[in-house]
């Protein structure tokens, strides 16, 4: 699955640091591991609600594009964005 952060498939969403060989440098790898740790903490909560967008990403694995909500109504991708573990994504803006 790929988090949308309450975005619209192929229009807006969130972008997180790349892990492993997809990272452009060691700093990005380190940031990715920190962001992944925070995501794991959030996903460990009970009562999460997964909402399918009905779309899949354009990668070979065709991941489902989803929003995941906490029991308080907060969307997890948006939470990562607010905490600085992700940034806004749009198809017209290439993040470096």
PDB file of N, CA and C in Angstrom:
ATOM      1  N   UNK A   1       0.828  -1.175   0.000  1.00  0.00           N
ATOM      2  CA  UNK A   1       0.000   0.000   0.000  1.00  0.00           C
ATOM      3  C   UNK A   1       0.878   1.246   0.000  1.00  0.00           C
ATOM      4  N   UNK A   2       0.333   2.292  -0.528  1.00  0.00           N
ATOM      5  CA  UNK A   2       1.027   3.579  -0.542  1.00  0.00           C
ATOM      6  C   UNK A   2       0.086   4.639   0.028  1.00  0.00           C
ATOM      7  N   UNK A   3       0.587   5.385   1.016  1.00  0.00           N
ATOM      8  CA  UNK A   3      -0.224   6.401   1.680  1.00  0.00           C
ATOM      9  C   UNK A   3      -0.426   7.628   0.805  1.00  0.00           C
ATOM     10  N   UNK A   4      -1.641   8.130   0.800  1.00  0.00           N
ATOM     11  CA  UNK A   4      -1.963   9.343   0.060  1.00  0.00           C
ATOM     12  C   UNK A   4      -1.876  10.601   0.914  1.00  0.00           C
ATOM     13  N   UNK A   5      -1.990  10.480   2.224  1.00  0.00           N
ATOM     14  CA  UNK A   5      -1.986  11.655   3.078  1.00  0.00           C
ATOM     15  C   UNK A   5      -3.171  12.558   2.787  1.00  0.00           C
ATOM     16  N   UNK A   6      -4.301  11.946   2.497  1.00  0.00           N
ATOM     17  CA  UNK A   6      -5.548  12.607   2.113  1.00  0.00           C
ATOM     18  C   UNK A   6      -5.427  13.323   0.771  1.00  0.00           C
ATOM     19  N   UNK A   7      -4.441  12.936  -0.019  1.00  0.00           N
ATOM     20  CA  UNK A   7      -4.290  13.506  -1.353  1.00  0.00           C
ATOM     21  C   UNK A   7      -5.229  12.834  -2.348  1.00  0.00           C
ATOM     22  N   UNK A   8      -5.087  13.220  -3.591  1.00  0.00           N
ATOM     23  CA  UNK A   8      -5.892  12.685  -4.686  1.00  0.00           C
ATOM     24  C   UNK A   8      -4.965  11.865  -5.576  1.00  0.00           C
ATOM     25  N   UNK A   9      -5.317  10.606  -5.898  1.00  0.00           N
ATOM     26  CA  UNK A   9      -4.428   9.776  -6.714  1.00  0.00           C
ATOM     27  C   UNK A   9      -3.944  10.495  -7.976  1.00  0.00           C
ATOM     28  N   UNK A  10      -2.645  10.485  -8.172  1.00  0.00           N
ATOM     29  CA  UNK A  10      -1.946  11.038  -9.328  1.00  0.00           C
ATOM     30  C   UNK A  10      -2.019  12.564  -9.416  1.00  0.00           C
ATOM     31  N   UNK A  11      -2.547  13.213  -8.387  1.00  0.00           N
ATOM     32  CA  UNK A  11      -2.658  14.672  -8.356  1.00  0.00           C
ATOM     33  C   UNK A  11      -1.896  15.251  -7.169  1.00  0.00           C
ATOM     34  N   UNK A  12      -2.079  14.641  -5.991  1.00  0.00           N
ATOM     35  CA  UNK A  12      -1.406  15.130  -4.786  1.00  0.00           C
ATOM     36  C   UNK A  12      -1.249  13.986  -3.799  1.00  0.00           C
ATOM     37  N   UNK A  13      -0.337  14.164  -2.872  1.00  0.00           N
ATOM     38  CA  UNK A  13      -0.100  13.137  -1.864  1.00  0.00           C
ATOM     39  C   UNK A  13       1.102  13.493  -1.021  1.00  0.00           C
ATOM     40  N   UNK A  14       1.766  12.469  -0.507  1.00  0.00           N
ATOM     41  CA  UNK A  14       2.964  12.681   0.306  1.00  0.00           C
ATOM     42  C   UNK A  14       4.135  11.918  -0.288  1.00  0.00           C
ATOM     43  N   UNK A  15       5.319  12.364   0.056  1.00  0.00           N
ATOM     44  CA  UNK A  15       6.555  11.739  -0.395  1.00  0.00           C
ATOM     45  C   UNK A  15       7.446  11.555   0.828  1.00  0.00           C
ATOM     46  N   UNK A  16       7.979  10.367   0.992  1.00  0.00           N
ATOM     47  CA  UNK A  16       8.876  10.081   2.108  1.00  0.00           C
ATOM     48  C   UNK A  16      10.264   9.737   1.571  1.00  0.00           C
ATOM     49  N   UNK A  17      11.288   9.818   2.416  1.00  0.00           N
ATOM     50  CA  UNK A  17      12.639   9.475   1.967  1.00  0.00           C
ATOM     51  C   UNK A  17      12.703   8.020   1.485  1.00  0.00           C
ATOM     52  N   UNK A  18      13.546   7.791   0.499  1.00  0.00           N
ATOM     53  CA  UNK A  18      13.714   6.450  -0.057  1.00  0.00           C
ATOM     54  C   UNK A  18      14.661   5.635   0.812  1.00  0.00           C
ATOM     55  N   UNK A  19      14.404   4.336   0.825  1.00  0.00           N
ATOM     56  CA  UNK A  19      15.195   3.412   1.641  1.00  0.00           C
ATOM     57  C   UNK A  19      16.105   2.582   0.732  1.00  0.00           C
ATOM     58  N   UNK A  20      17.194   2.110   1.261  1.00  0.00           N
ATOM     59  CA  UNK A  20      18.070   1.181   0.536  1.00  0.00           C
ATOM     60  C   UNK A  20      18.663   1.767  -0.732  1.00  0.00           C
ATOM     61  N   UNK A  21      18.694   0.968  -1.800  1.00  0.00           N
ATOM     62  CA  UNK A  21      19.340   1.372  -3.048  1.00  0.00           C
ATOM     63  C   UNK A  21      18.593   2.482  -3.779  1.00  0.00           C
ATOM     64  N   UNK A  22      17.351   2.761  -3.384  1.00  0.00           N
ATOM     65  CA  UNK A  22      16.583   3.833  -4.024  1.00  0.00           C
ATOM     66  C   UNK A  22      16.978   5.211  -3.480  1.00  0.00           C
ATOM     67  N   UNK A  23      17.656   5.236  -2.334  1.00  0.00           N
ATOM     68  CA  UNK A  23      18.085   6.496  -1.738  1.00  0.00           C
ATOM     69  C   UNK A  23      19.225   7.089  -2.549  1.00  0.00           C
ATOM     70  N   UNK A  24      19.270   8.405  -2.600  1.00  0.00           N
ATOM     71  CA  UNK A  24      20.314   9.077  -3.370  1.00  0.00           C
ATOM     72  C   UNK A  24      21.591   9.304  -2.564  1.00  0.00           C
ATOM     73  N   UNK A  25      21.487   9.191  -1.223  1.00  0.00           N
ATOM     74  CA  UNK A  25      22.671   9.384  -0.393  1.00  0.00           C
ATOM     75  C   UNK A  25      22.435   8.745   0.979  1.00  0.00           C
ATOM     76  N   UNK A  26      23.481   8.712   1.778  1.00  0.00           N
ATOM     77  CA  UNK A  26      23.402   8.105   3.105  1.00  0.00           C
ATOM     78  C   UNK A  26      22.429   8.868   4.007  1.00  0.00           C
ATOM     79  N   UNK A  27      22.413  10.195   3.885  1.00  0.00           N
ATOM     80  CA  UNK A  27      21.506  10.999   4.710  1.00  0.00           C
ATOM     81  C   UNK A  27      20.049  10.615   4.433  1.00  0.00           C
ATOM     82  N   UNK A  28      19.710  10.417   3.157  1.00  0.00           N
ATOM     83  CA  UNK A  28      18.341  10.026   2.821  1.00  0.00           C
ATOM     84  C   UNK A  28      18.017   8.646   3.400  1.00  0.00           C
ATOM     85  N   UNK A  29      18.963   7.720   3.355  1.00  0.00           N
ATOM     86  CA  UNK A  29      18.746   6.390   3.935  1.00  0.00           C
ATOM     87  C   UNK A  29      18.455   6.482   5.430  1.00  0.00           C
ATOM     88  N   UNK A  30      19.227   7.319   6.122  1.00  0.00           N
ATOM     89  CA  UNK A  30      19.031   7.490   7.560  1.00  0.00           C
ATOM     90  C   UNK A  30      17.668   8.101   7.858  1.00  0.00           C
ATOM     91  N   UNK A  31      17.302   9.125   7.103  1.00  0.00           N
ATOM     92  CA  UNK A  31      15.993   9.754   7.278  1.00  0.00           C
ATOM     93  C   UNK A  31      14.872   8.763   6.998  1.00  0.00           C
ATOM     94  N   UNK A  32      15.070   7.911   5.992  1.00  0.00           N
ATOM     95  CA  UNK A  32      14.062   6.904   5.647  1.00  0.00           C
ATOM     96  C   UNK A  32      13.843   5.925   6.794  1.00  0.00           C
ATOM     97  N   UNK A  33      14.921   5.516   7.442  1.00  0.00           N
ATOM     98  CA  UNK A  33      14.791   4.578   8.565  1.00  0.00           C
ATOM     99  C   UNK A  33      14.065   5.226   9.749  1.00  0.00           C
ATOM    100  N   UNK A  34      14.321   6.507   9.980  1.00  0.00           N
ATOM    101  CA  UNK A  34      13.635   7.223  11.055  1.00  0.00           C
ATOM    102  C   UNK A  34      12.141   7.344  10.723  1.00  0.00           C
ATOM    103  N   UNK A  35      11.826   7.721   9.482  1.00  0.00           N
ATOM    104  CA  UNK A  35      10.430   7.849   9.056  1.00  0.00           C
ATOM    105  C   UNK A  35       9.712   6.502   9.118  1.00  0.00           C
ATOM    106  N   UNK A  36      10.412   5.449   8.723  1.00  0.00           N
ATOM    107  CA  UNK A  36       9.825   4.116   8.773  1.00  0.00           C
ATOM    108  C   UNK A  36       9.503   3.714  10.215  1.00  0.00           C
ATOM    109  N   UNK A  37      10.394   4.047  11.121  1.00  0.00           N
ATOM    110  CA  UNK A  37      10.160   3.754  12.539  1.00  0.00           C
ATOM    111  C   UNK A  37       8.923   4.461  13.061  1.00  0.00           C
ATOM    112  N   UNK A  38       8.762   5.727  12.681  1.00  0.00           N
ATOM    113  CA  UNK A  38       7.585   6.473  13.125  1.00  0.00           C
ATOM    114  C   UNK A  38       6.314   5.884  12.515  1.00  0.00           C
ATOM    115  N   UNK A  39       6.371   5.505  11.249  1.00  0.00           N
ATOM    116  CA  UNK A  39       5.214   4.889  10.598  1.00  0.00           C
ATOM    117  C   UNK A  39       4.836   3.585  11.303  1.00  0.00           C
ATOM    118  N   UNK A  40       5.824   2.789  11.675  1.00  0.00           N
ATOM    119  CA  UNK A  40       5.555   1.537  12.394  1.00  0.00           C
ATOM    120  C   UNK A  40       4.854   1.807  13.714  1.00  0.00           C
ATOM    121  N   UNK A  41       5.283   2.864  14.417  1.00  0.00           N
ATOM    122  CA  UNK A  41       4.626   3.237  15.671  1.00  0.00           C
ATOM    123  C   UNK A  41       3.152   3.563  15.432  1.00  0.00           C
ATOM    124  N   UNK A  42       2.898   4.360  14.406  1.00  0.00           N
ATOM    125  CA  UNK A  42       1.522   4.755  14.100  1.00  0.00           C
ATOM    126  C   UNK A  42       0.674   3.561  13.668  1.00  0.00           C
ATOM    127  N   UNK A  43       1.254   2.661  12.886  1.00  0.00           N
ATOM    128  CA  UNK A  43       0.506   1.492  12.402  1.00  0.00           C
ATOM    129  C   UNK A  43       0.260   0.451  13.492  1.00  0.00           C
ATOM    130  N   UNK A  44       0.979   0.550  14.608  1.00  0.00           N
ATOM    131  CA  UNK A  44       0.804  -0.397  15.706  1.00  0.00           C
ATOM    132  C   UNK A  44      -0.430  -0.070  16.554  1.00  0.00           C
ATOM    133  N   UNK A  45      -1.009   1.100  16.341  1.00  0.00           N
ATOM    134  CA  UNK A  45      -2.194   1.495  17.107  1.00  0.00           C
ATOM    135  C   UNK A  45      -3.381   0.606  16.754  1.00  0.00           C
ATOM    136  N   UNK A  46      -4.229   0.394  17.710  1.00  0.00           N
ATOM    137  CA  UNK A  46      -5.456  -0.388  17.482  1.00  0.00           C
ATOM    138  C   UNK A  46      -6.537   0.500  16.886  1.00  0.00           C
ATOM    139  N   UNK A  47      -7.411  -0.110  16.105  1.00  0.00           N
ATOM    140  CA  UNK A  47      -8.579   0.585  15.595  1.00  0.00           C
ATOM    141  C   UNK A  47      -8.348   1.422  14.354  1.00  0.00           C
ATOM    142  N   UNK A  48      -7.255   1.191  13.639  1.00  0.00           N
ATOM    143  CA  UNK A  48      -7.007   1.948  12.412  1.00  0.00           C
ATOM    144  C   UNK A  48      -8.047   1.590  11.352  1.00  0.00           C
ATOM    145  N   UNK A  49      -8.354   2.569  10.504  1.00  0.00           N
ATOM    146  CA  UNK A  49      -9.326   2.350   9.425  1.00  0.00           C
ATOM    147  C   UNK A  49      -8.636   2.639   8.098  1.00  0.00           C
ATOM    148  N   UNK A  50      -8.591   1.632   7.212  1.00  0.00           N
ATOM    149  CA  UNK A  50      -7.964   1.776   5.902  1.00  0.00           C
ATOM    150  C   UNK A  50      -9.054   2.089   4.881  1.00  0.00           C
ATOM    151  N   UNK A  51      -8.847   3.182   4.132  1.00  0.00           N
ATOM    152  CA  UNK A  51      -9.803   3.584   3.107  1.00  0.00           C
ATOM    153  C   UNK A  51      -9.108   3.499   1.750  1.00  0.00           C
ATOM    154  N   UNK A  52      -9.604   2.621   0.902  1.00  0.00           N
ATOM    155  CA  UNK A  52      -9.036   2.444  -0.437  1.00  0.00           C
ATOM    156  C   UNK A  52      -9.490   3.584  -1.336  1.00  0.00           C
ATOM    157  N   UNK A  53      -8.575   4.086  -2.156  1.00  0.00           N
ATOM    158  CA  UNK A  53      -8.927   5.160  -3.090  1.00  0.00           C
ATOM    159  C   UNK A  53      -9.544   4.597  -4.369  1.00  0.00           C
ATOM    160  N   UNK A  54      -9.338   3.302  -4.609  1.00  0.00           N
ATOM    161  CA  UNK A  54      -9.801   2.692  -5.845  1.00  0.00           C
ATOM    162  C   UNK A  54      -8.749   2.724  -6.943  1.00  0.00           C
ATOM    163  N   UNK A  55      -7.560   3.281  -6.617  1.00  0.00           N
ATOM    164  CA  UNK A  55      -6.479   3.390  -7.600  1.00  0.00           C
ATOM    165  C   UNK A  55      -5.249   2.634  -7.099  1.00  0.00           C
ATOM    166  N   UNK A  56      -4.365   2.313  -8.039  1.00  0.00           N
ATOM    167  CA  UNK A  56      -3.078   1.700  -7.719  1.00  0.00           C
ATOM    168  C   UNK A  56      -1.982   2.566  -8.321  1.00  0.00           C
ATOM    169  N   UNK A  57      -0.779   2.527  -7.714  1.00  0.00           N
ATOM    170  CA  UNK A  57       0.311   3.345  -8.253  1.00  0.00           C
ATOM    171  C   UNK A  57       0.827   2.754  -9.559  1.00  0.00           C
ATOM    172  N   UNK A  58       1.707   3.485 -10.204  1.00  0.00           N
ATOM    173  CA  UNK A  58       2.185   3.089 -11.533  1.00  0.00           C
ATOM    174  C   UNK A  58       3.493   2.298 -11.494  1.00  0.00           C
ATOM    175  N   UNK A  59       3.849   1.784 -10.313  1.00  0.00           N
ATOM    176  CA  UNK A  59       5.047   0.963 -10.195  1.00  0.00           C
ATOM    177  C   UNK A  59       4.713  -0.468 -10.624  1.00  0.00           C
ATOM    178  N   UNK A  60       5.735  -1.293 -10.868  1.00  0.00           N
ATOM    179  CA  UNK A  60       5.469  -2.683 -11.250  1.00  0.00           C
ATOM    180  C   UNK A  60       4.673  -3.470 -10.200  1.00  0.00           C
ATOM    181  N   UNK A  61       4.761  -3.054  -8.927  1.00  0.00           N
ATOM    182  CA  UNK A  61       4.037  -3.788  -7.879  1.00  0.00           C
ATOM    183  C   UNK A  61       2.575  -3.343  -7.741  1.00  0.00           C
ATOM    184  N   UNK A  62       2.192  -2.259  -8.420  1.00  0.00           N
ATOM    185  CA  UNK A  62       0.799  -1.768  -8.410  1.00  0.00           C
ATOM    186  C   UNK A  62       0.227  -1.678  -6.999  1.00  0.00           C
ATOM    187  N   UNK A  63       0.902  -0.912  -6.153  1.00  0.00           N
ATOM    188  CA  UNK A  63       0.448  -0.757  -4.765  1.00  0.00           C
ATOM    189  C   UNK A  63      -0.876   0.000  -4.710  1.00  0.00           C
ATOM    190  N   UNK A  64      -1.726  -0.423  -3.792  1.00  0.00           N
ATOM    191  CA  UNK A  64      -2.989   0.262  -3.571  1.00  0.00           C
ATOM    192  C   UNK A  64      -2.719   1.642  -2.983  1.00  0.00           C
ATOM    193  N   UNK A  65      -3.412   2.657  -3.460  1.00  0.00           N
ATOM    194  CA  UNK A  65      -3.297   4.005  -2.913  1.00  0.00           C
ATOM    195  C   UNK A  65      -4.376   4.151  -1.852  1.00  0.00           C
ATOM    196  N   UNK A  66      -3.947   4.417  -0.617  1.00  0.00           N
ATOM    197  CA  UNK A  66      -4.872   4.374   0.521  1.00  0.00           C
ATOM    198  C   UNK A  66      -4.685   5.567   1.456  1.00  0.00           C
ATOM    199  N   UNK A  67      -5.687   5.764   2.266  1.00  0.00           N
ATOM    200  CA  UNK A  67      -5.608   6.637   3.435  1.00  0.00           C
ATOM    201  C   UNK A  67      -5.847   5.734   4.627  1.00  0.00           C
ATOM    202  N   UNK A  68      -5.066   5.939   5.676  1.00  0.00           N
ATOM    203  CA  UNK A  68      -5.238   5.163   6.903  1.00  0.00           C
ATOM    204  C   UNK A  68      -5.526   6.147   8.027  1.00  0.00           C
ATOM    205  N   UNK A  69      -6.661   5.948   8.679  1.00  0.00           N
ATOM    206  CA  UNK A  69      -7.111   6.871   9.721  1.00  0.00           C
ATOM    207  C   UNK A  69      -6.963   6.268  11.108  1.00  0.00           C
ATOM    208  N   UNK A  70      -6.521   7.120  12.039  1.00  0.00           N
ATOM    209  CA  UNK A  70      -6.446   6.746  13.444  1.00  0.00           C
ATOM    210  C   UNK A  70      -7.848   6.852  14.045  1.00  0.00           C
ATOM    211  N   UNK A  71      -8.018   6.362  15.246  1.00  0.00           N
ATOM    212  CA  UNK A  71      -9.334   6.400  15.886  1.00  0.00           C
ATOM    213  C   UNK A  71      -9.817   7.834  16.134  1.00  0.00           C
ATOM    214  N   UNK A  72      -8.888   8.802  16.226  1.00  0.00           N
ATOM    215  CA  UNK A  72      -9.272  10.193  16.421  1.00  0.00           C
ATOM    216  C   UNK A  72      -9.589  10.904  15.104  1.00  0.00           C
ATOM    217  N   UNK A  73      -9.560  10.160  13.975  1.00  0.00           N
ATOM    218  CA  UNK A  73      -9.879  10.713  12.664  1.00  0.00           C
ATOM    219  C   UNK A  73      -8.691  11.262  11.901  1.00  0.00           C
ATOM    220  N   UNK A  74      -7.533  11.283  12.528  1.00  0.00           N
ATOM    221  CA  UNK A  74      -6.335  11.806  11.881  1.00  0.00           C
ATOM    222  C   UNK A  74      -5.792  10.803  10.864  1.00  0.00           C
ATOM    223  N   UNK A  75      -5.448  11.281   9.667  1.00  0.00           N
ATOM    224  CA  UNK A  75      -4.901  10.416   8.624  1.00  0.00           C
ATOM    225  C   UNK A  75      -3.397  10.270   8.858  1.00  0.00           C
ATOM    226  N   UNK A  76      -2.891   9.058   8.786  1.00  0.00           N
ATOM    227  CA  UNK A  76      -1.497   8.763   9.143  1.00  0.00           C
ATOM    228  C   UNK A  76      -0.492   9.455   8.222  1.00  0.00           C
ATOM    229  N   UNK A  77      -0.736   9.457   6.921  1.00  0.00           N
ATOM    230  CA  UNK A  77       0.177  10.147   6.010  1.00  0.00           C
ATOM    231  C   UNK A  77       0.248  11.635   6.306  1.00  0.00           C
ATOM    232  N   UNK A  78      -0.889  12.223   6.612  1.00  0.00           N
ATOM    233  CA  UNK A  78      -0.939  13.643   6.959  1.00  0.00           C
ATOM    234  C   UNK A  78      -0.191  13.900   8.267  1.00  0.00           C
ATOM    235  N   UNK A  79      -0.282  12.967   9.202  1.00  0.00           N
ATOM    236  CA  UNK A  79       0.448  13.061  10.474  1.00  0.00           C
ATOM    237  C   UNK A  79       1.956  13.047  10.207  1.00  0.00           C
ATOM    238  N   UNK A  80       2.416  12.154   9.324  1.00  0.00           N
ATOM    239  CA  UNK A  80       3.838  12.102   8.969  1.00  0.00           C
ATOM    240  C   UNK A  80       4.280  13.424   8.349  1.00  0.00           C
ATOM    241  N   UNK A  81       3.434  14.001   7.540  1.00  0.00           N
ATOM    242  CA  UNK A  81       3.719  15.284   6.902  1.00  0.00           C
ATOM    243  C   UNK A  81       3.851  16.384   7.961  1.00  0.00           C
ATOM    244  N   UNK A  82       2.909  16.446   8.885  1.00  0.00           N
ATOM    245  CA  UNK A  82       2.930  17.462   9.939  1.00  0.00           C
ATOM    246  C   UNK A  82       4.143  17.316  10.859  1.00  0.00           C
ATOM    247  N   UNK A  83       4.580  16.079  11.082  1.00  0.00           N
ATOM    248  CA  UNK A  83       5.724  15.826  11.973  1.00  0.00           C
ATOM    249  C   UNK A  83       7.075  15.949  11.265  1.00  0.00           C
ATOM    250  N   UNK A  84       7.063  16.174   9.951  1.00  0.00           N
ATOM    251  CA  UNK A  84       8.301  16.349   9.206  1.00  0.00           C
ATOM    252  C   UNK A  84       8.922  15.066   8.673  1.00  0.00           C
ATOM    253  N   UNK A  85       8.194  13.957   8.724  1.00  0.00           N
ATOM    254  CA  UNK A  85       8.705  12.682   8.210  1.00  0.00           C
ATOM    255  C   UNK A  85       8.371  12.484   6.733  1.00  0.00           C
ATOM    256  N   UNK A  86       7.570  13.381   6.168  1.00  0.00           N
ATOM    257  CA  UNK A  86       7.175  13.319   4.759  1.00  0.00           C
ATOM    258  C   UNK A  86       7.027  14.752   4.259  1.00  0.00           C
ATOM    259  N   UNK A  87       6.906  14.900   2.948  1.00  0.00           N
ATOM    260  CA  UNK A  87       6.635  16.219   2.381  1.00  0.00           C
ATOM    261  C   UNK A  87       5.570  16.079   1.303  1.00  0.00           C
ATOM    262  N   UNK A  88       5.002  17.210   0.935  1.00  0.00           N
ATOM    263  CA  UNK A  88       3.939  17.201  -0.070  1.00  0.00           C
ATOM    264  C   UNK A  88       4.497  16.707  -1.403  1.00  0.00           C
ATOM    265  N   UNK A  89       3.659  15.974  -2.129  1.00  0.00           N
ATOM    266  CA  UNK A  89       4.030  15.453  -3.437  1.00  0.00           C
ATOM    267  C   UNK A  89       3.004  15.908  -4.464  1.00  0.00           C
ATOM    268  N   UNK A  90       3.482  16.227  -5.654  1.00  0.00           N
ATOM    269  CA  UNK A  90       2.609  16.443  -6.796  1.00  0.00           C
ATOM    270  C   UNK A  90       3.367  15.989  -8.041  1.00  0.00           C
ATOM    271  N   UNK A  91       2.652  15.560  -9.072  1.00  0.00           N
ATOM    272  CA  UNK A  91       3.352  15.033 -10.253  1.00  0.00           C
ATOM    273  C   UNK A  91       4.163  16.075 -11.003  1.00  0.00           C
ATOM    274  N   UNK A  92       3.855  17.338 -10.822  1.00  0.00           N
ATOM    275  CA  UNK A  92       4.552  18.394 -11.538  1.00  0.00           C
ATOM    276  C   UNK A  92       5.810  18.862 -10.819  1.00  0.00           C
ATOM    277  N   UNK A  93       5.951  18.491  -9.528  1.00  0.00           N
ATOM    278  CA  UNK A  93       7.091  18.930  -8.737  1.00  0.00           C
ATOM    279  C   UNK A  93       7.979  17.732  -8.408  1.00  0.00           C
ATOM    280  N   UNK A  94       9.159  17.731  -8.937  1.00  0.00           N
ATOM    281  CA  UNK A  94      10.123  16.655  -8.676  1.00  0.00           C
ATOM    282  C   UNK A  94      10.865  16.948  -7.391  1.00  0.00           C
ATOM    283  N   UNK A  95      10.711  16.102  -6.377  1.00  0.00           N
ATOM    284  CA  UNK A  95      11.436  16.282  -5.127  1.00  0.00           C
ATOM    285  C   UNK A  95      12.841  15.743  -5.273  1.00  0.00           C
ATOM    286  N   UNK A  96      13.781  16.469  -4.730  1.00  0.00           N
ATOM    287  CA  UNK A  96      15.181  16.096  -4.840  1.00  0.00           C
ATOM    288  C   UNK A  96      15.728  15.706  -3.483  1.00  0.00           C
TER     289      UNK A  96
END
